[in-house]
Amino acid sequence: MSEPKERSRAQQLMGDFAPKLAELTDDVLFGDVWEREGLSQRDRSLITVAALIANGNTDQLPGHLSRAKANGISEAELSEVMTHLAFYTGWPRAISAILVAKEVFKK
């Protein structure tokens, strides 16, 4: 008998409420878009973190900050991204991102 497949983060977060969105997140977003050859994983992480900060999406930021570190982006580089974005996206969004990052990097 095979062991049950480990549930993805998307399945854990929303699979019980929005199973199709969780499936699309796993299969299309992370299974296809993130795996395309046009950009490195590192570049995709930088773009994603910047977009989340610019749009004020701090709920999704912890997972993507961790992914960014796993993709080779240092905490110092992420701090610099947030400082740079303060001038383009607004001080409150940058400060909110920094507060999230401090919590993520404490662990």
PDB file of N, CA and C in Angstrom:
ATOM      1  N   MET A   1       0.835  -1.182   0.000  1.00  0.00           N
ATOM      2  CA  MET A   1       0.000   0.000   0.000  1.00  0.00           C
ATOM      3  C   MET A   1       0.880   1.246   0.000  1.00  0.00           C
ATOM      4  N   SER A   2       0.606   2.228  -0.860  1.00  0.00           N
ATOM      5  CA  SER A   2       1.430   3.427  -0.935  1.00  0.00           C
ATOM      6  C   SER A   2       1.033   4.427   0.152  1.00  0.00           C
ATOM      7  N   GLU A   3       2.034   5.203   0.535  1.00  0.00           N
ATOM      8  CA  GLU A   3       1.785   6.222   1.556  1.00  0.00           C
ATOM      9  C   GLU A   3       1.032   7.388   0.926  1.00  0.00           C
ATOM     10  N   PRO A   4       0.186   8.059   1.711  1.00  0.00           N
ATOM     11  CA  PRO A   4      -0.535   9.211   1.163  1.00  0.00           C
ATOM     12  C   PRO A   4       0.439  10.313   0.763  1.00  0.00           C
ATOM     13  N   LYS A   5       0.136  10.961  -0.351  1.00  0.00           N
ATOM     14  CA  LYS A   5       0.977  12.043  -0.858  1.00  0.00           C
ATOM     15  C   LYS A   5       0.900  13.235   0.094  1.00  0.00           C
ATOM     16  N   GLU A   6       2.067  13.833   0.373  1.00  0.00           N
ATOM     17  CA  GLU A   6       2.104  15.012   1.240  1.00  0.00           C
ATOM     18  C   GLU A   6       1.388  16.174   0.542  1.00  0.00           C
ATOM     19  N   ARG A   7       0.546  16.860   1.276  1.00  0.00           N
ATOM     20  CA  ARG A   7      -0.224  17.976   0.720  1.00  0.00           C
ATOM     21  C   ARG A   7       0.681  19.184   0.510  1.00  0.00           C
ATOM     22  N   SER A   8       0.524  19.840  -0.625  1.00  0.00           N
ATOM     23  CA  SER A   8       1.297  21.040  -0.920  1.00  0.00           C
ATOM     24  C   SER A   8       0.855  22.173  -0.006  1.00  0.00           C
ATOM     25  N   ARG A   9       1.620  23.235   0.022  1.00  0.00           N
ATOM     26  CA  ARG A   9       1.260  24.412   0.827  1.00  0.00           C
ATOM     27  C   ARG A   9      -0.070  24.982   0.350  1.00  0.00           C
ATOM     28  N   ALA A  10      -0.284  25.025  -0.950  1.00  0.00           N
ATOM     29  CA  ALA A  10      -1.557  25.533  -1.488  1.00  0.00           C
ATOM     30  C   ALA A  10      -2.706  24.653  -1.027  1.00  0.00           C
ATOM     31  N   GLN A  11      -2.501  23.341  -1.049  1.00  0.00           N
ATOM     32  CA  GLN A  11      -3.544  22.419  -0.585  1.00  0.00           C
ATOM     33  C   GLN A  11      -3.834  22.630   0.895  1.00  0.00           C
ATOM     34  N   GLN A  12      -2.795  22.852   1.671  1.00  0.00           N
ATOM     35  CA  GLN A  12      -2.967  23.083   3.105  1.00  0.00           C
ATOM     36  C   GLN A  12      -3.722  24.386   3.367  1.00  0.00           C
ATOM     37  N   LEU A  13      -3.380  25.433   2.630  1.00  0.00           N
ATOM     38  CA  LEU A  13      -3.968  26.753   2.872  1.00  0.00           C
ATOM     39  C   LEU A  13      -5.401  26.885   2.383  1.00  0.00           C
ATOM     40  N   MET A  14      -5.695  26.296   1.219  1.00  0.00           N
ATOM     41  CA  MET A  14      -7.006  26.575   0.625  1.00  0.00           C
ATOM     42  C   MET A  14      -7.677  25.383  -0.026  1.00  0.00           C
ATOM     43  N   GLY A  15      -7.033  24.234  -0.012  1.00  0.00           N
ATOM     44  CA  GLY A  15      -7.572  23.074  -0.707  1.00  0.00           C
ATOM     45  C   GLY A  15      -8.947  22.640  -0.248  1.00  0.00           C
ATOM     46  N   ASP A  16      -9.241  22.807   1.028  1.00  0.00           N
ATOM     47  CA  ASP A  16     -10.556  22.412   1.526  1.00  0.00           C
ATOM     48  C   ASP A  16     -11.655  23.383   1.090  1.00  0.00           C
ATOM     49  N   PHE A  17     -11.306  24.644   0.847  1.00  0.00           N
ATOM     50  CA  PHE A  17     -12.297  25.655   0.479  1.00  0.00           C
ATOM     51  C   PHE A  17     -12.328  25.918  -1.029  1.00  0.00           C
ATOM     52  N   ALA A  18     -11.157  25.967  -1.639  1.00  0.00           N
ATOM     53  CA  ALA A  18     -11.051  26.256  -3.075  1.00  0.00           C
ATOM     54  C   ALA A  18     -10.095  25.252  -3.724  1.00  0.00           C
ATOM     55  N   PRO A  19     -10.526  23.996  -3.864  1.00  0.00           N
ATOM     56  CA  PRO A  19      -9.625  22.960  -4.375  1.00  0.00           C
ATOM     57  C   PRO A  19      -9.097  23.245  -5.781  1.00  0.00           C
ATOM     58  N   LYS A  20      -9.905  23.829  -6.646  1.00  0.00           N
ATOM     59  CA  LYS A  20      -9.440  24.109  -8.006  1.00  0.00           C
ATOM     60  C   LYS A  20      -8.348  25.168  -7.997  1.00  0.00           C
ATOM     61  N   LEU A  21      -8.497  26.215  -7.165  1.00  0.00           N
ATOM     62  CA  LEU A  21      -7.468  27.237  -7.081  1.00  0.00           C
ATOM     63  C   LEU A  21      -6.166  26.642  -6.525  1.00  0.00           C
ATOM     64  N   ALA A  22      -6.276  25.768  -5.554  1.00  0.00           N
ATOM     65  CA  ALA A  22      -5.085  25.099  -5.022  1.00  0.00           C
ATOM     66  C   ALA A  22      -4.413  24.259  -6.110  1.00  0.00           C
ATOM     67  N   GLU A  23      -5.221  23.553  -6.884  1.00  0.00           N
ATOM     68  CA  GLU A  23      -4.687  22.734  -7.988  1.00  0.00           C
ATOM     69  C   GLU A  23      -3.988  23.613  -9.026  1.00  0.00           C
ATOM     70  N   LEU A  24      -4.623  24.720  -9.406  1.00  0.00           N
ATOM     71  CA  LEU A  24      -4.018  25.641 -10.378  1.00  0.00           C
ATOM     72  C   LEU A  24      -2.727  26.248  -9.831  1.00  0.00           C
ATOM     73  N   THR A  25      -2.723  26.556  -8.538  1.00  0.00           N
ATOM     74  CA  THR A  25      -1.518  27.097  -7.912  1.00  0.00           C
ATOM     75  C   THR A  25      -0.380  26.092  -8.020  1.00  0.00           C
ATOM     76  N   ASP A  26      -0.672  24.846  -7.697  1.00  0.00           N
ATOM     77  CA  ASP A  26       0.359  23.804  -7.760  1.00  0.00           C
ATOM     78  C   ASP A  26       0.798  23.505  -9.191  1.00  0.00           C
ATOM     79  N   ASP A  27      -0.175  23.279 -10.061  1.00  0.00           N
ATOM     80  CA  ASP A  27       0.127  22.796 -11.402  1.00  0.00           C
ATOM     81  C   ASP A  27       0.553  23.884 -12.380  1.00  0.00           C
ATOM     82  N   VAL A  28      -0.132  25.015 -12.358  1.00  0.00           N
ATOM     83  CA  VAL A  28       0.162  26.064 -13.336  1.00  0.00           C
ATOM     84  C   VAL A  28       1.196  27.046 -12.797  1.00  0.00           C
ATOM     85  N   LEU A  29       0.895  27.657 -11.643  1.00  0.00           N
ATOM     86  CA  LEU A  29       1.814  28.673 -11.132  1.00  0.00           C
ATOM     87  C   LEU A  29       3.179  28.083 -10.785  1.00  0.00           C
ATOM     88  N   PHE A  30       3.200  27.122  -9.857  1.00  0.00           N
ATOM     89  CA  PHE A  30       4.493  26.579  -9.429  1.00  0.00           C
ATOM     90  C   PHE A  30       4.987  25.442 -10.310  1.00  0.00           C
ATOM     91  N   GLY A  31       4.085  24.726 -10.961  1.00  0.00           N
ATOM     92  CA  GLY A  31       4.488  23.623 -11.816  1.00  0.00           C
ATOM     93  C   GLY A  31       4.908  24.036 -13.210  1.00  0.00           C
ATOM     94  N   ASP A  32       4.404  25.173 -13.686  1.00  0.00           N
ATOM     95  CA  ASP A  32       4.726  25.627 -15.039  1.00  0.00           C
ATOM     96  C   ASP A  32       5.422  26.982 -15.034  1.00  0.00           C
ATOM     97  N   VAL A  33       4.740  28.021 -14.565  1.00  0.00           N
ATOM     98  CA  VAL A  33       5.279  29.378 -14.656  1.00  0.00           C
ATOM     99  C   VAL A  33       6.616  29.506 -13.933  1.00  0.00           C
ATOM    100  N   TRP A  34       6.696  29.014 -12.711  1.00  0.00           N
ATOM    101  CA  TRP A  34       7.946  29.126 -11.957  1.00  0.00           C
ATOM    102  C   TRP A  34       9.058  28.263 -12.550  1.00  0.00           C
ATOM    103  N   GLU A  35       8.721  27.287 -13.382  1.00  0.00           N
ATOM    104  CA  GLU A  35       9.723  26.377 -13.934  1.00  0.00           C
ATOM    105  C   GLU A  35      10.173  26.750 -15.348  1.00  0.00           C
ATOM    106  N   ARG A  36       9.601  27.793 -15.898  1.00  0.00           N
ATOM    107  CA  ARG A  36       9.989  28.207 -17.249  1.00  0.00           C
ATOM    108  C   ARG A  36      11.461  28.628 -17.278  1.00  0.00           C
ATOM    109  N   GLU A  37      12.085  28.460 -18.431  1.00  0.00           N
ATOM    110  CA  GLU A  37      13.511  28.728 -18.560  1.00  0.00           C
ATOM    111  C   GLU A  37      13.854  30.199 -18.783  1.00  0.00           C
ATOM    112  N   GLY A  38      12.877  31.038 -19.060  1.00  0.00           N
ATOM    113  CA  GLY A  38      13.160  32.433 -19.409  1.00  0.00           C
ATOM    114  C   GLY A  38      13.784  33.274 -18.314  1.00  0.00           C
ATOM    115  N   LEU A  39      13.547  32.911 -17.055  1.00  0.00           N
ATOM    116  CA  LEU A  39      14.128  33.612 -15.911  1.00  0.00           C
ATOM    117  C   LEU A  39      14.606  32.575 -14.905  1.00  0.00           C
ATOM    118  N   SER A  40      15.621  32.937 -14.150  1.00  0.00           N
ATOM    119  CA  SER A  40      16.088  32.047 -13.092  1.00  0.00           C
ATOM    120  C   SER A  40      15.105  32.078 -11.925  1.00  0.00           C
ATOM    121  N   GLN A  41      15.179  31.065 -11.079  1.00  0.00           N
ATOM    122  CA  GLN A  41      14.359  31.034  -9.874  1.00  0.00           C
ATOM    123  C   GLN A  41      14.661  32.259  -9.003  1.00  0.00           C
ATOM    124  N   ARG A  42      15.925  32.640  -8.956  1.00  0.00           N
ATOM    125  CA  ARG A  42      16.342  33.812  -8.181  1.00  0.00           C
ATOM    126  C   ARG A  42      15.643  35.070  -8.699  1.00  0.00           C
ATOM    127  N   ASP A  43      15.679  35.260 -10.015  1.00  0.00           N
ATOM    128  CA  ASP A  43      15.026  36.428 -10.615  1.00  0.00           C
ATOM    129  C   ASP A  43      13.523  36.406 -10.368  1.00  0.00           C
ATOM    130  N   ARG A  44      12.925  35.243 -10.503  1.00  0.00           N
ATOM    131  CA  ARG A  44      11.481  35.135 -10.256  1.00  0.00           C
ATOM    132  C   ARG A  44      11.152  35.497  -8.807  1.00  0.00           C
ATOM    133  N   SER A  45      12.007  35.087  -7.884  1.00  0.00           N
ATOM    134  CA  SER A  45      11.787  35.437  -6.481  1.00  0.00           C
ATOM    135  C   SER A  45      11.886  36.947  -6.259  1.00  0.00           C
ATOM    136  N   LEU A  46      12.895  37.578  -6.853  1.00  0.00           N
ATOM    137  CA  LEU A  46      13.021  39.033  -6.713  1.00  0.00           C
ATOM    138  C   LEU A  46      11.788  39.744  -7.263  1.00  0.00           C
ATOM    139  N   ILE A  47      11.344  39.329  -8.417  1.00  0.00           N
ATOM    140  CA  ILE A  47      10.172  39.942  -9.047  1.00  0.00           C
ATOM    141  C   ILE A  47       8.935  39.730  -8.188  1.00  0.00           C
ATOM    142  N   THR A  48       8.762  38.519  -7.700  1.00  0.00           N
ATOM    143  CA  THR A  48       7.577  38.193  -6.905  1.00  0.00           C
ATOM    144  C   THR A  48       7.560  38.976  -5.596  1.00  0.00           C
ATOM    145  N   VAL A  49       8.686  39.008  -4.901  1.00  0.00           N
ATOM    146  CA  VAL A  49       8.757  39.758  -3.647  1.00  0.00           C
ATOM    147  C   VAL A  49       8.466  41.235  -3.906  1.00  0.00           C
ATOM    148  N   ALA A  50       9.051  41.794  -4.952  1.00  0.00           N
ATOM    149  CA  ALA A  50       8.813  43.211  -5.272  1.00  0.00           C
ATOM    150  C   ALA A  50       7.338  43.457  -5.594  1.00  0.00           C
ATOM    151  N   ALA A  51       6.729  42.562  -6.358  1.00  0.00           N
ATOM    152  CA  ALA A  51       5.314  42.728  -6.710  1.00  0.00           C
ATOM    153  C   ALA A  51       4.418  42.629  -5.483  1.00  0.00           C
ATOM    154  N   LEU A  52       4.712  41.688  -4.595  1.00  0.00           N
ATOM    155  CA  LEU A  52       3.916  41.549  -3.380  1.00  0.00           C
ATOM    156  C   LEU A  52       4.024  42.803  -2.513  1.00  0.00           C
ATOM    157  N   ILE A  53       5.234  43.330  -2.385  1.00  0.00           N
ATOM    158  CA  ILE A  53       5.430  44.551  -1.598  1.00  0.00           C
ATOM    159  C   ILE A  53       4.711  45.726  -2.262  1.00  0.00           C
ATOM    160  N   ALA A  54       4.869  45.859  -3.563  1.00  0.00           N
ATOM    161  CA  ALA A  54       4.255  46.978  -4.289  1.00  0.00           C
ATOM    162  C   ALA A  54       2.738  46.972  -4.153  1.00  0.00           C
ATOM    163  N   ASN A  55       2.164  45.793  -4.098  1.00  0.00           N
ATOM    164  CA  ASN A  55       0.700  45.687  -4.003  1.00  0.00           C
ATOM    165  C   ASN A  55       0.196  45.567  -2.566  1.00  0.00           C
ATOM    166  N   GLY A  56       1.107  45.591  -1.602  1.00  0.00           N
ATOM    167  CA  GLY A  56       0.717  45.510  -0.204  1.00  0.00           C
ATOM    168  C   GLY A  56       0.221  44.140   0.224  1.00  0.00           C
ATOM    169  N   ASN A  57       0.653  43.089  -0.460  1.00  0.00           N
ATOM    170  CA  ASN A  57       0.206  41.723  -0.161  1.00  0.00           C
ATOM    171  C   ASN A  57       1.122  41.056   0.865  1.00  0.00           C
ATOM    172  N   THR A  58       1.091  41.554   2.087  1.00  0.00           N
ATOM    173  CA  THR A  58       2.004  41.028   3.099  1.00  0.00           C
ATOM    174  C   THR A  58       1.623  39.642   3.600  1.00  0.00           C
ATOM    175  N   ASP A  59       0.369  39.215   3.406  1.00  0.00           N
ATOM    176  CA  ASP A  59      -0.008  37.860   3.835  1.00  0.00           C
ATOM    177  C   ASP A  59       0.747  36.794   3.050  1.00  0.00           C
ATOM    178  N   GLN A  60       1.055  37.049   1.794  1.00  0.00           N
ATOM    179  CA  GLN A  60       1.773  36.088   0.971  1.00  0.00           C
ATOM    180  C   GLN A  60       3.291  36.260   1.057  1.00  0.00           C
ATOM    181  N   LEU A  61       3.729  37.326   1.686  1.00  0.00           N
ATOM    182  CA  LEU A  61       5.153  37.647   1.713  1.00  0.00           C
ATOM    183  C   LEU A  61       6.013  36.640   2.480  1.00  0.00           C
ATOM    184  N   PRO A  62       5.605  36.124   3.646  1.00  0.00           N
ATOM    185  CA  PRO A  62       6.498  35.211   4.369  1.00  0.00           C
ATOM    186  C   PRO A  62       6.958  34.011   3.545  1.00  0.00           C
ATOM    187  N   GLY A  63       6.049  33.359   2.875  1.00  0.00           N
ATOM    188  CA  GLY A  63       6.421  32.197   2.071  1.00  0.00           C
ATOM    189  C   GLY A  63       7.363  32.558   0.942  1.00  0.00           C
ATOM    190  N   HIS A  64       7.128  33.717   0.327  1.00  0.00           N
ATOM    191  CA  HIS A  64       7.987  34.113  -0.790  1.00  0.00           C
ATOM    192  C   HIS A  64       9.334  34.651  -0.323  1.00  0.00           C
ATOM    193  N   LEU A  65       9.394  35.218   0.875  1.00  0.00           N
ATOM    194  CA  LEU A  65      10.704  35.605   1.417  1.00  0.00           C
ATOM    195  C   LEU A  65      11.534  34.360   1.706  1.00  0.00           C
ATOM    196  N   SER A  66      10.907  33.341   2.260  1.00  0.00           N
ATOM    197  CA  SER A  66      11.623  32.082   2.506  1.00  0.00           C
ATOM    198  C   SER A  66      12.071  31.451   1.196  1.00  0.00           C
ATOM    199  N   ARG A  67      11.196  31.474   0.203  1.00  0.00           N
ATOM    200  CA  ARG A  67      11.547  30.933  -1.116  1.00  0.00           C
ATOM    201  C   ARG A  67      12.697  31.732  -1.732  1.00  0.00           C
ATOM    202  N   ALA A  68      12.666  33.054  -1.553  1.00  0.00           N
ATOM    203  CA  ALA A  68      13.735  33.905  -2.092  1.00  0.00           C
ATOM    204  C   ALA A  68      15.079  33.528  -1.482  1.00  0.00           C
ATOM    205  N   LYS A  69      15.092  33.316  -0.174  1.00  0.00           N
ATOM    206  CA  LYS A  69      16.342  32.895   0.471  1.00  0.00           C
ATOM    207  C   LYS A  69      16.799  31.546  -0.069  1.00  0.00           C
ATOM    208  N   ALA A  70      15.859  30.622  -0.237  1.00  0.00           N
ATOM    209  CA  ALA A  70      16.203  29.302  -0.782  1.00  0.00           C
ATOM    210  C   ALA A  70      16.712  29.413  -2.217  1.00  0.00           C
ATOM    211  N   ASN A  71      16.285  30.468  -2.920  1.00  0.00           N
ATOM    212  CA  ASN A  71      16.724  30.685  -4.303  1.00  0.00           C
ATOM    213  C   ASN A  71      17.978  31.558  -4.383  1.00  0.00           C
ATOM    214  N   GLY A  72      18.643  31.776  -3.254  1.00  0.00           N
ATOM    215  CA  GLY A  72      19.953  32.424  -3.262  1.00  0.00           C
ATOM    216  C   GLY A  72      19.964  33.917  -3.020  1.00  0.00           C
ATOM    217  N   ILE A  73      18.867  34.497  -2.577  1.00  0.00           N
ATOM    218  CA  ILE A  73      18.832  35.926  -2.297  1.00  0.00           C
ATOM    219  C   ILE A  73      19.095  36.115  -0.802  1.00  0.00           C
ATOM    220  N   SER A  74      20.062  36.950  -0.487  1.00  0.00           N
ATOM    221  CA  SER A  74      20.429  37.151   0.912  1.00  0.00           C
ATOM    222  C   SER A  74      19.446  38.090   1.611  1.00  0.00           C
ATOM    223  N   GLU A  75      19.467  38.034   2.934  1.00  0.00           N
ATOM    224  CA  GLU A  75      18.640  38.954   3.711  1.00  0.00           C
ATOM    225  C   GLU A  75      19.037  40.396   3.424  1.00  0.00           C
ATOM    226  N   ALA A  76      20.330  40.642   3.251  1.00  0.00           N
ATOM    227  CA  ALA A  76      20.801  41.998   2.948  1.00  0.00           C
ATOM    228  C   ALA A  76      20.237  42.477   1.604  1.00  0.00           C
ATOM    229  N   GLU A  77      20.201  41.590   0.629  1.00  0.00           N
ATOM    230  CA  GLU A  77      19.635  41.971  -0.677  1.00  0.00           C
ATOM    231  C   GLU A  77      18.139  42.248  -0.559  1.00  0.00           C
ATOM    232  N   LEU A  78      17.440  41.421   0.203  1.00  0.00           N
ATOM    233  CA  LEU A  78      16.005  41.640   0.381  1.00  0.00           C
ATOM    234  C   LEU A  78      15.743  42.945   1.122  1.00  0.00           C
ATOM    235  N   SER A  79      16.572  43.265   2.092  1.00  0.00           N
ATOM    236  CA  SER A  79      16.461  44.544   2.792  1.00  0.00           C
ATOM    237  C   SER A  79      16.656  45.706   1.818  1.00  0.00           C
ATOM    238  N   GLU A  80      17.618  45.549   0.926  1.00  0.00           N
ATOM    239  CA  GLU A  80      17.879  46.591  -0.075  1.00  0.00           C
ATOM    240  C   GLU A  80      16.705  46.749  -1.035  1.00  0.00           C
ATOM    241  N   VAL A  81      16.083  45.634  -1.404  1.00  0.00           N
ATOM    242  CA  VAL A  81      14.890  45.682  -2.257  1.00  0.00           C
ATOM    243  C   VAL A  81      13.804  46.510  -1.565  1.00  0.00           C
ATOM    244  N   MET A  82      13.584  46.246  -0.296  1.00  0.00           N
ATOM    245  CA  MET A  82      12.539  46.959   0.450  1.00  0.00           C
ATOM    246  C   MET A  82      12.852  48.440   0.589  1.00  0.00           C
ATOM    247  N   THR A  83      14.115  48.762   0.826  1.00  0.00           N
ATOM    248  CA  THR A  83      14.528  50.163   0.909  1.00  0.00           C
ATOM    249  C   THR A  83      14.311  50.855  -0.430  1.00  0.00           C
ATOM    250  N   HIS A  84      14.702  50.215  -1.483  1.00  0.00           N
ATOM    251  CA  HIS A  84      14.535  50.777  -2.831  1.00  0.00           C
ATOM    252  C   HIS A  84      13.054  50.989  -3.151  1.00  0.00           C
ATOM    253  N   LEU A  85      12.233  49.999  -2.810  1.00  0.00           N
ATOM    254  CA  LEU A  85      10.807  50.082  -3.116  1.00  0.00           C
ATOM    255  C   LEU A  85      10.083  51.165  -2.316  1.00  0.00           C
ATOM    256  N   ALA A  86      10.629  51.545  -1.178  1.00  0.00           N
ATOM    257  CA  ALA A  86       9.990  52.606  -0.384  1.00  0.00           C
ATOM    258  C   ALA A  86       9.779  53.855  -1.225  1.00  0.00           C
ATOM    259  N   PHE A  87      10.698  54.140  -2.131  1.00  0.00           N
ATOM    260  CA  PHE A  87      10.607  55.341  -2.956  1.00  0.00           C
ATOM    261  C   PHE A  87       9.656  55.181  -4.138  1.00  0.00           C
ATOM    262  N   TYR A  88       9.351  53.964  -4.516  1.00  0.00           N
ATOM    263  CA  TYR A  88       8.506  53.722  -5.679  1.00  0.00           C
ATOM    264  C   TYR A  88       7.108  53.238  -5.319  1.00  0.00           C
ATOM    265  N   THR A  89       6.974  52.567  -4.181  1.00  0.00           N
ATOM    266  CA  THR A  89       5.676  51.997  -3.822  1.00  0.00           C
ATOM    267  C   THR A  89       5.068  52.629  -2.580  1.00  0.00           C
ATOM    268  N   GLY A  90       5.871  53.401  -1.868  1.00  0.00           N
ATOM    269  CA  GLY A  90       5.397  54.078  -0.673  1.00  0.00           C
ATOM    270  C   GLY A  90       6.039  53.548   0.592  1.00  0.00           C
ATOM    271  N   TRP A  91       6.258  54.472   1.507  1.00  0.00           N
ATOM    272  CA  TRP A  91       6.890  54.148   2.784  1.00  0.00           C
ATOM    273  C   TRP A  91       6.116  53.097   3.564  1.00  0.00           C
ATOM    274  N   PRO A  92       4.796  53.237   3.723  1.00  0.00           N
ATOM    275  CA  PRO A  92       4.063  52.250   4.523  1.00  0.00           C
ATOM    276  C   PRO A  92       4.198  50.820   4.000  1.00  0.00           C
ATOM    277  N   ARG A  93       4.190  50.645   2.706  1.00  0.00           N
ATOM    278  CA  ARG A  93       4.321  49.289   2.153  1.00  0.00           C
ATOM    279  C   ARG A  93       5.704  48.713   2.416  1.00  0.00           C
ATOM    280  N   ALA A  94       6.714  49.544   2.298  1.00  0.00           N
ATOM    281  CA  ALA A  94       8.074  49.084   2.571  1.00  0.00           C
ATOM    282  C   ALA A  94       8.242  48.748   4.052  1.00  0.00           C
ATOM    283  N   ILE A  95       7.717  49.588   4.916  1.00  0.00           N
ATOM    284  CA  ILE A  95       7.823  49.331   6.353  1.00  0.00           C
ATOM    285  C   ILE A  95       7.070  48.053   6.720  1.00  0.00           C
ATOM    286  N   SER A  96       5.883  47.869   6.174  1.00  0.00           N
ATOM    287  CA  SER A  96       5.116  46.640   6.431  1.00  0.00           C
ATOM    288  C   SER A  96       5.904  45.415   5.993  1.00  0.00           C
ATOM    289  N   ALA A  97       6.545  45.494   4.834  1.00  0.00           N
ATOM    290  CA  ALA A  97       7.349  44.376   4.332  1.00  0.00           C
ATOM    291  C   ALA A  97       8.541  44.110   5.241  1.00  0.00           C
ATOM    292  N   ILE A  98       9.167  45.155   5.721  1.00  0.00           N
ATOM    293  CA  ILE A  98      10.316  44.992   6.616  1.00  0.00           C
ATOM    294  C   ILE A  98       9.888  44.309   7.914  1.00  0.00           C
ATOM    295  N   LEU A  99       8.739  44.694   8.444  1.00  0.00           N
ATOM    296  CA  LEU A  99       8.249  44.068   9.672  1.00  0.00           C
ATOM    297  C   LEU A  99       7.974  42.580   9.467  1.00  0.00           C
ATOM    298  N   VAL A 100       7.422  42.234   8.309  1.00  0.00           N
ATOM    299  CA  VAL A 100       7.196  40.818   7.984  1.00  0.00           C
ATOM    300  C   VAL A 100       8.535  40.102   7.853  1.00  0.00           C
ATOM    301  N   ALA A 101       9.475  40.711   7.138  1.00  0.00           N
ATOM    302  CA  ALA A 101      10.776  40.091   6.921  1.00  0.00           C
ATOM    303  C   ALA A 101      11.504  39.849   8.241  1.00  0.00           C
ATOM    304  N   LYS A 102      11.438  40.796   9.154  1.00  0.00           N
ATOM    305  CA  LYS A 102      12.081  40.616  10.457  1.00  0.00           C
ATOM    306  C   LYS A 102      11.550  39.381  11.164  1.00  0.00           C
ATOM    307  N   GLU A 103      10.258  39.154  11.094  1.00  0.00           N
ATOM    308  CA  GLU A 103       9.659  37.962  11.717  1.00  0.00           C
ATOM    309  C   GLU A 103      10.092  36.678  11.005  1.00  0.00           C
ATOM    310  N   VAL A 104      10.086  36.714   9.685  1.00  0.00           N
ATOM    311  CA  VAL A 104      10.471  35.534   8.904  1.00  0.00           C
ATOM    312  C   VAL A 104      11.937  35.174   9.167  1.00  0.00           C
ATOM    313  N   PHE A 105      12.797  36.171   9.205  1.00  0.00           N
ATOM    314  CA  PHE A 105      14.234  35.901   9.321  1.00  0.00           C
ATOM    315  C   PHE A 105      14.653  35.603  10.746  1.00  0.00           C
ATOM    316  N   LYS A 106      13.776  35.861  11.725  1.00  0.00           N
ATOM    317  CA  LYS A 106      14.053  35.505  13.113  1.00  0.00           C
ATOM    318  C   LYS A 106      14.106  34.000  13.302  1.00  0.00           C
ATOM    319  N   LYS A 107      13.334  33.292  12.474  1.00  0.00           N
ATOM    320  CA  LYS A 107      13.178  31.845  12.626  1.00  0.00           C
ATOM    321  C   LYS A 107      14.379  31.077  12.148  1.00  0.00           C
TER     322      LYS A 107
END
